[in-house]
Protein backbone atom coordinates (compact mmCIF):
# COMPACT_ATOMS: atom_id res chain seq x y z
CA UNK A 1 138.35 156.97 255.12
CA UNK A 2 139.15 153.36 255.76
CA UNK A 3 136.93 151.05 257.77
CA UNK A 4 136.35 151.70 261.48
CA UNK A 5 137.14 155.39 261.06
CA UNK A 6 140.87 154.83 260.46
CA UNK A 7 142.30 157.25 257.84
CA UNK A 8 143.94 155.81 254.77
CA UNK A 9 147.71 156.22 254.87
CA UNK A 10 148.60 159.52 253.25
CA UNK A 11 151.04 159.58 250.33
CA UNK A 12 153.25 161.75 252.55
CA UNK A 13 153.89 158.72 254.78
CA UNK A 14 154.78 156.28 251.98
CA UNK A 15 158.41 156.02 250.85
CA UNK A 16 159.87 155.03 247.49
CA UNK A 17 159.93 151.37 248.55
CA UNK A 18 156.19 151.47 249.26
CA UNK A 19 156.65 151.20 253.03
CA UNK A 20 153.71 152.78 254.85
CA UNK A 21 154.78 154.61 258.01
CA UNK A 22 152.00 154.15 260.52
CA UNK A 23 154.11 154.15 263.70
CA UNK A 24 155.40 157.39 265.23
CA UNK A 25 157.90 157.55 268.08
CA UNK A 26 158.05 160.92 269.85
CA UNK A 27 160.88 161.84 272.20
CA UNK A 28 159.55 164.04 275.01
CA UNK A 29 162.76 164.99 276.79
CA UNK A 30 166.53 164.69 276.64
CA UNK A 31 166.73 164.31 280.40
CA UNK A 32 167.08 160.99 282.19
CA UNK A 33 167.33 159.95 285.82
CA UNK A 34 169.63 157.02 284.96
CA UNK A 35 173.01 156.86 283.20
CA UNK A 36 172.90 153.51 281.40
CA UNK A 37 176.26 152.69 279.86
CA UNK A 38 174.97 151.77 276.38
CA UNK A 39 172.63 154.74 276.14
CA UNK A 40 174.33 157.82 277.56
CA UNK A 41 178.01 158.80 277.53
CA UNK A 42 179.49 158.73 281.03
CA UNK A 43 179.98 162.49 280.98
CA UNK A 44 176.32 162.97 280.11
CA UNK A 45 175.03 164.95 277.14
CA UNK A 46 174.65 168.70 276.69
CA UNK A 47 170.99 169.62 277.06
CA UNK A 48 169.37 172.00 274.63
CA UNK A 49 167.83 175.25 275.90
CA UNK A 50 164.16 174.85 276.77
CA UNK A 51 163.05 177.18 273.98
CA UNK A 52 164.49 174.75 271.42
CA UNK A 53 162.35 171.87 272.67
CA UNK A 54 158.80 171.12 271.56
CA UNK A 55 156.08 172.48 273.83
CA UNK A 56 153.08 170.46 274.97
CA UNK A 57 150.89 172.05 272.31
CA UNK A 58 153.47 171.48 269.57
CA UNK A 59 153.78 167.80 270.49
CA UNK A 60 150.02 167.36 270.38
CA UNK A 61 149.73 169.32 267.13
CA UNK A 62 152.24 167.03 265.43
CA UNK A 63 150.61 163.91 266.87
CA UNK A 64 147.23 165.04 265.57
CA UNK A 65 148.67 165.75 262.12
CA UNK A 66 150.34 162.34 261.85
CA UNK A 67 147.23 160.49 263.02
CA UNK A 68 145.14 162.31 260.43
CA UNK A 69 147.65 161.12 257.82
CA UNK A 70 147.28 157.47 258.86
CA UNK A 71 149.53 156.87 261.89
CA UNK A 72 147.83 154.28 264.12
CA UNK A 73 150.50 153.80 266.78
CA UNK A 74 152.39 156.35 268.88
CA UNK A 75 155.09 155.61 271.43
CA UNK A 76 156.45 158.24 273.81
CA UNK A 77 160.17 158.02 274.55
CA UNK A 78 162.96 160.16 275.93
CA UNK A 79 165.44 160.47 277.51
CA UNK A 80 163.11 159.34 280.23
CA UNK A 81 159.55 160.50 279.43
CA UNK A 82 158.29 160.17 283.02
CA UNK A 83 160.51 163.06 284.16
CA UNK A 84 158.58 165.46 281.94
CA UNK A 85 156.11 167.35 284.21
CA UNK A 86 153.36 167.52 281.58
CA UNK A 87 153.44 163.81 280.69
CA UNK A 88 149.88 163.18 281.87
CA UNK A 89 148.61 166.17 279.89
CA UNK A 90 150.34 164.84 276.77
CA UNK A 91 148.91 161.34 277.23
CA UNK A 92 145.43 162.77 277.81
CA UNK A 93 145.69 164.80 274.61
CA UNK A 94 146.89 161.83 272.60
CA UNK A 95 144.28 159.58 274.17
CA UNK A 96 141.67 161.77 272.49
CA UNK A 97 143.24 160.94 269.12
CA UNK A 98 141.84 157.43 269.41
CA UNK A 99 138.61 158.92 268.11
CA UNK A 100 140.53 159.91 264.95
CA UNK A 101 142.15 156.55 264.23
CA UNK A 102 144.96 156.13 266.76
CA UNK A 103 144.90 152.49 267.87
CA UNK A 104 147.79 152.23 270.32
CA UNK A 105 149.47 154.69 272.68
CA UNK A 106 152.56 153.46 274.47
CA UNK A 107 155.54 154.63 276.46
CA UNK A 108 159.11 153.39 276.85
CA UNK A 109 160.47 154.07 280.34
CA UNK A 110 163.05 152.92 282.83
CA UNK A 111 160.22 152.59 285.35
CA UNK A 112 162.03 154.40 288.14
CA UNK A 113 159.22 156.87 288.95
CA UNK A 114 156.47 155.09 287.04
CA UNK A 115 154.49 153.30 289.74
CA UNK A 116 152.62 156.30 291.13
CA UNK A 117 151.83 157.63 287.65
CA UNK A 118 150.56 154.41 286.09
CA UNK A 119 146.90 154.50 287.07
CA UNK A 120 146.33 158.03 285.79
CA UNK A 121 148.26 157.32 282.59
CA UNK A 122 146.19 154.20 281.99
CA UNK A 123 142.94 156.09 282.50
CA UNK A 124 144.18 158.77 280.10
CA UNK A 125 144.62 156.25 277.29
CA UNK A 126 148.01 154.59 277.75
CA UNK A 127 147.63 150.98 276.61
CA UNK A 128 151.19 149.78 275.98
CA UNK A 129 154.20 149.83 278.28
CA UNK A 130 157.85 149.04 277.59
CA UNK A 131 160.14 148.98 280.61
CA UNK A 132 163.88 149.04 279.95
CA UNK A 133 165.60 146.68 282.38
CA UNK A 134 168.93 145.03 281.68
CA UNK A 135 169.52 143.06 284.86
CA UNK A 136 167.58 141.33 287.63
CA UNK A 137 170.42 141.78 290.09
CA UNK A 138 170.14 144.95 292.25
CA UNK A 139 173.91 145.38 292.51
CA UNK A 140 174.43 144.97 288.77
CA UNK A 141 171.54 147.39 288.18
CA UNK A 142 173.48 150.06 290.04
CA UNK A 143 176.63 149.31 288.04
CA UNK A 144 174.86 149.38 284.66
CA UNK A 145 172.69 152.44 285.31
CA UNK A 146 175.09 154.27 287.64
CA UNK A 147 172.09 154.82 289.93
CA UNK A 148 170.03 152.97 292.55
CA UNK A 149 166.37 152.01 292.04
CA UNK A 150 165.98 148.36 291.03
CA UNK A 151 163.20 147.66 293.55
CA UNK A 152 161.18 150.63 292.30
CA UNK A 153 161.34 149.34 288.74
CA UNK A 154 160.09 145.90 289.77
CA UNK A 155 157.29 147.49 291.80
CA UNK A 156 156.24 149.44 288.70
CA UNK A 157 156.18 146.22 286.66
CA UNK A 158 154.01 144.50 289.26
CA UNK A 159 151.70 147.53 289.36
CA UNK A 160 151.31 147.54 285.58
CA UNK A 161 150.27 143.88 285.63
CA UNK A 162 147.89 144.56 288.52
CA UNK A 163 146.24 147.47 286.70
CA UNK A 164 145.85 145.34 283.59
CA UNK A 165 147.75 147.37 281.00
CA UNK A 166 147.19 145.26 277.87
CA UNK A 167 150.71 145.12 276.39
CA UNK A 168 153.68 145.02 278.77
CA UNK A 169 157.22 144.41 277.57
CA UNK A 170 160.59 144.23 279.28
CA UNK A 171 163.42 145.42 277.04
CA UNK A 172 166.85 144.00 277.84
CA UNK A 173 169.98 145.06 275.93
CA UNK A 174 172.28 142.04 276.06
CA UNK A 175 176.03 142.68 276.34
CA UNK A 176 178.55 139.85 276.46
CA UNK A 177 180.48 139.76 279.71
CA UNK A 178 178.13 142.28 281.30
CA UNK A 179 174.63 140.84 281.63
CA UNK A 180 174.39 137.92 279.19
CA UNK A 181 174.59 135.54 282.16
CA UNK A 182 171.11 136.72 283.22
CA UNK A 183 169.22 135.85 280.05
CA UNK A 184 167.78 132.66 281.55
CA UNK A 185 166.56 134.56 284.62
CA UNK A 186 164.66 136.94 282.36
CA UNK A 187 163.12 134.05 280.44
CA UNK A 188 161.99 132.51 283.75
CA UNK A 189 159.86 135.62 284.39
CA UNK A 190 157.59 134.63 281.51
CA UNK A 191 156.49 131.49 283.36
CA UNK A 192 154.16 133.45 285.65
CA UNK A 193 154.10 136.99 284.21
CA UNK A 194 151.91 137.94 281.20
CA UNK A 195 154.69 139.97 279.63
CA UNK A 196 157.02 139.92 276.65
CA UNK A 197 160.70 139.82 277.53
CA UNK A 198 162.62 141.19 274.56
CA UNK A 199 166.36 140.75 274.15
CA UNK A 200 167.90 143.54 272.10
CA UNK A 201 171.18 143.15 270.27
CA UNK A 202 173.72 145.71 271.46
CA UNK A 203 173.81 148.58 268.95
CA UNK A 204 176.40 151.32 268.33
CA UNK A 205 175.46 154.91 269.15
CA UNK A 206 177.53 158.00 269.78
CA UNK A 207 179.42 157.77 273.06
CA UNK A 208 178.48 154.19 274.07
CA UNK A 209 181.89 152.66 273.19
CA UNK A 210 180.32 149.83 271.19
CA UNK A 211 182.54 146.83 270.52
CA UNK A 212 181.80 143.88 268.25
CA UNK A 213 182.83 141.34 270.89
CA UNK A 214 180.11 142.61 273.24
CA UNK A 215 177.39 141.74 270.75
CA UNK A 216 175.55 138.49 271.49
CA UNK A 217 173.75 137.31 268.31
CA UNK A 218 170.17 136.27 268.90
CA UNK A 219 170.74 132.78 267.51
CA UNK A 220 173.23 132.18 270.31
CA UNK A 221 170.61 133.27 272.85
CA UNK A 222 168.03 130.91 271.36
CA UNK A 223 170.46 128.03 271.74
CA UNK A 224 171.23 128.95 275.34
CA UNK A 225 167.55 129.24 276.23
CA UNK A 226 166.73 125.98 274.49
CA UNK A 227 169.39 124.08 276.41
CA UNK A 228 167.66 125.01 279.68
CA UNK A 229 163.97 125.41 278.86
CA UNK A 230 163.67 123.14 275.85
CA UNK A 231 162.94 124.23 272.31
CA UNK A 232 160.80 127.35 272.20
CA UNK A 233 157.70 127.60 270.03
CA UNK A 234 157.95 130.15 267.21
CA UNK A 235 155.01 132.55 267.27
CA UNK A 236 153.57 134.49 264.36
CA UNK A 237 155.27 137.87 264.06
CA UNK A 238 153.19 140.97 263.43
CA UNK A 239 153.79 142.27 259.87
CA UNK A 240 155.74 145.38 260.95
CA UNK A 241 157.09 144.16 264.27
CA UNK A 242 160.81 144.40 264.97
CA UNK A 243 160.57 141.37 267.26
CA UNK A 244 161.08 137.71 266.44
CA UNK A 245 158.60 136.23 268.91
CA UNK A 246 158.85 132.89 270.74
CA UNK A 247 157.21 131.12 273.66
CA UNK A 248 158.53 128.61 276.16
CA UNK A 249 155.97 125.77 276.34
CA UNK A 250 153.94 126.13 279.52
CA UNK A 251 154.87 129.77 280.10
CA UNK A 252 152.18 132.45 279.96
CA UNK A 253 154.49 135.19 278.71
CA UNK A 254 156.62 135.43 275.56
CA UNK A 255 160.25 135.89 274.62
CA UNK A 256 161.31 138.13 271.75
CA UNK A 257 164.51 139.09 269.97
CA UNK A 258 165.26 142.44 268.33
CA UNK A 259 167.96 141.62 265.81
CA UNK A 260 168.99 145.02 264.45
CA UNK A 261 172.63 144.01 264.06
CA UNK A 262 172.53 140.44 262.73
CA UNK A 263 169.22 140.37 260.81
CA UNK A 264 167.85 143.83 260.12
CA UNK A 265 164.14 144.37 259.49
CA UNK A 266 164.42 147.43 257.26
CA UNK A 267 162.17 145.95 254.55
CA UNK A 268 159.14 146.09 256.87
CA UNK A 269 160.06 149.26 258.78
CA UNK A 270 157.04 151.49 259.38
CA UNK A 271 158.60 153.86 261.93
CA UNK A 272 159.20 157.57 262.00
CA UNK A 273 160.73 159.51 264.88
CA UNK A 274 160.29 163.03 266.18
CA UNK A 275 163.18 164.23 268.31
CA UNK A 276 162.78 166.38 271.41
CA UNK A 277 163.77 169.46 269.45
CA UNK A 278 161.23 168.76 266.73
CA UNK A 279 163.23 167.09 263.98
CA UNK A 280 161.80 164.26 261.91
CA UNK A 281 164.18 161.29 261.76
CA UNK A 282 163.25 158.55 259.30
CA UNK A 283 165.79 155.92 260.43
CA UNK A 284 167.05 155.07 263.90
CA UNK A 285 170.57 154.64 262.54
CA UNK A 286 170.52 157.52 260.06
CA UNK A 287 171.79 160.99 260.89
CA UNK A 288 169.55 162.80 258.40
CA UNK A 289 167.03 165.04 260.18
CA UNK A 290 164.68 167.84 259.12
CA UNK A 291 163.20 170.42 261.49
CA UNK A 292 159.42 170.57 261.86
CA UNK A 293 159.63 172.80 264.94
CA UNK A 294 160.68 175.86 262.97
CA UNK A 295 157.76 175.42 260.57
CA UNK A 296 155.37 174.96 263.50
CA UNK A 297 156.47 178.28 264.95
CA UNK A 298 156.02 180.35 261.82
CA UNK A 299 152.74 182.31 261.78
CA UNK A 300 149.91 180.50 260.04
CA UNK A 301 146.32 181.44 259.31
CA UNK A 302 144.69 178.15 260.28
CA UNK A 303 145.15 174.39 260.59
CA UNK A 304 144.98 173.85 256.84
CA UNK A 305 147.72 176.38 256.25
CA UNK A 306 149.92 174.62 258.80
CA UNK A 307 149.19 171.23 257.21
CA UNK A 308 150.08 172.61 253.80
CA UNK A 309 153.40 173.82 255.18
CA UNK A 310 154.35 170.67 257.11
CA UNK A 311 153.19 167.82 254.90
CA UNK A 312 155.46 168.46 251.89
CA UNK A 313 158.46 168.59 254.24
CA UNK A 314 157.41 165.37 255.98
CA UNK A 315 156.77 163.68 252.65
CA UNK A 316 160.15 164.73 251.25
CA UNK A 317 161.92 163.34 254.33
CA UNK A 318 160.05 160.03 254.10
CA UNK A 319 160.82 159.64 250.41
CA UNK A 320 164.54 160.01 251.13
CA UNK A 321 164.49 157.02 253.49
CA UNK A 322 167.01 154.42 252.36
CA UNK A 323 166.18 150.81 251.58
CA UNK A 324 168.19 149.66 254.60
CA UNK A 325 170.67 150.97 257.13
CA UNK A 326 174.40 150.36 256.94
CA UNK A 327 176.14 147.24 258.25
CA UNK A 328 177.30 146.95 261.85
CA UNK A 329 180.87 148.10 261.23
CA UNK A 330 179.78 151.12 259.18
CA UNK A 331 177.29 151.98 261.93
CA UNK A 332 179.99 151.74 264.57
CA UNK A 333 182.10 154.27 262.65
CA UNK A 334 179.27 156.69 261.84
CA UNK A 335 178.12 159.76 263.77
CA UNK A 336 174.63 159.75 265.23
CA UNK A 337 172.90 161.10 268.30
CA UNK A 338 173.50 159.19 271.52
CA UNK A 339 170.61 156.81 272.20
CA UNK A 340 169.38 159.03 275.05
CA UNK A 341 168.70 161.80 272.50
CA UNK A 342 166.81 159.48 270.11
CA UNK A 343 164.72 157.33 272.41
CA UNK A 344 165.12 154.05 270.53
């Protein structure tokens, strides 16, 4: 054991480039109550039968296994995780893993039905919140998401700040000619809100009709912000963080940039993903997946027997992780799940 009761990182979570995978993203559902243009094809996605999806117990079993192997951070994604009826039960179960070494439990959500759930989720152990919001204009919100609900999202953000959730982030996917004219409005939020506004470079996924000319490189955004707010202060980035972090002098919040397309961060990647149907996915942009669900459902004598079955498969998948993902044009031409079926 490492200090403070945190397990050492198991060899099964270390790849051939010596990257230690201590961050697990778990997709809880394929369903979503929005239809964001960059995330879900307009016609929607075919949903898998319920019996192919991980159950509550299976999700918690996998979370427990990964924490015992050295995972210290878990983020729940979707689809939209708040539409899953057993979300609170899942968060409560994972909250108990903090006694085994889990340090952070977060969720990525569109915030539409979040407000009334927040207090209970916080009490259950949720300590990090990412809200996906790509516009501060109610009319544009409806165009981009193909649904109404902007006011409810902002109410959820205010409620999260009021409750005192420690780490609150707004994720904004920037698309040229769509919402890039609102970047400065998002930055202005950090003047009075203790949040991180993160601008995400537009990425290609199946069905989102990605085009190179819609991509706004982060350096361009920095220049735009600087021309209005003055030069931002560069903050120290966390070792495995995907975000290049900045601060406008005098603002209480921060501004970050996720630069997957122009400056990848593969060399420090510590992330693994579990899909809704129980596959392990070692790279957001890779299409290689291995089923853990089927192994979970085979009869086993005890926990050790299940561990002995799962860990070699997990380790083999991790060791096959590539040094870095393909370039933007190769990614645009490749087949991958739509973003809604990965969860970011």
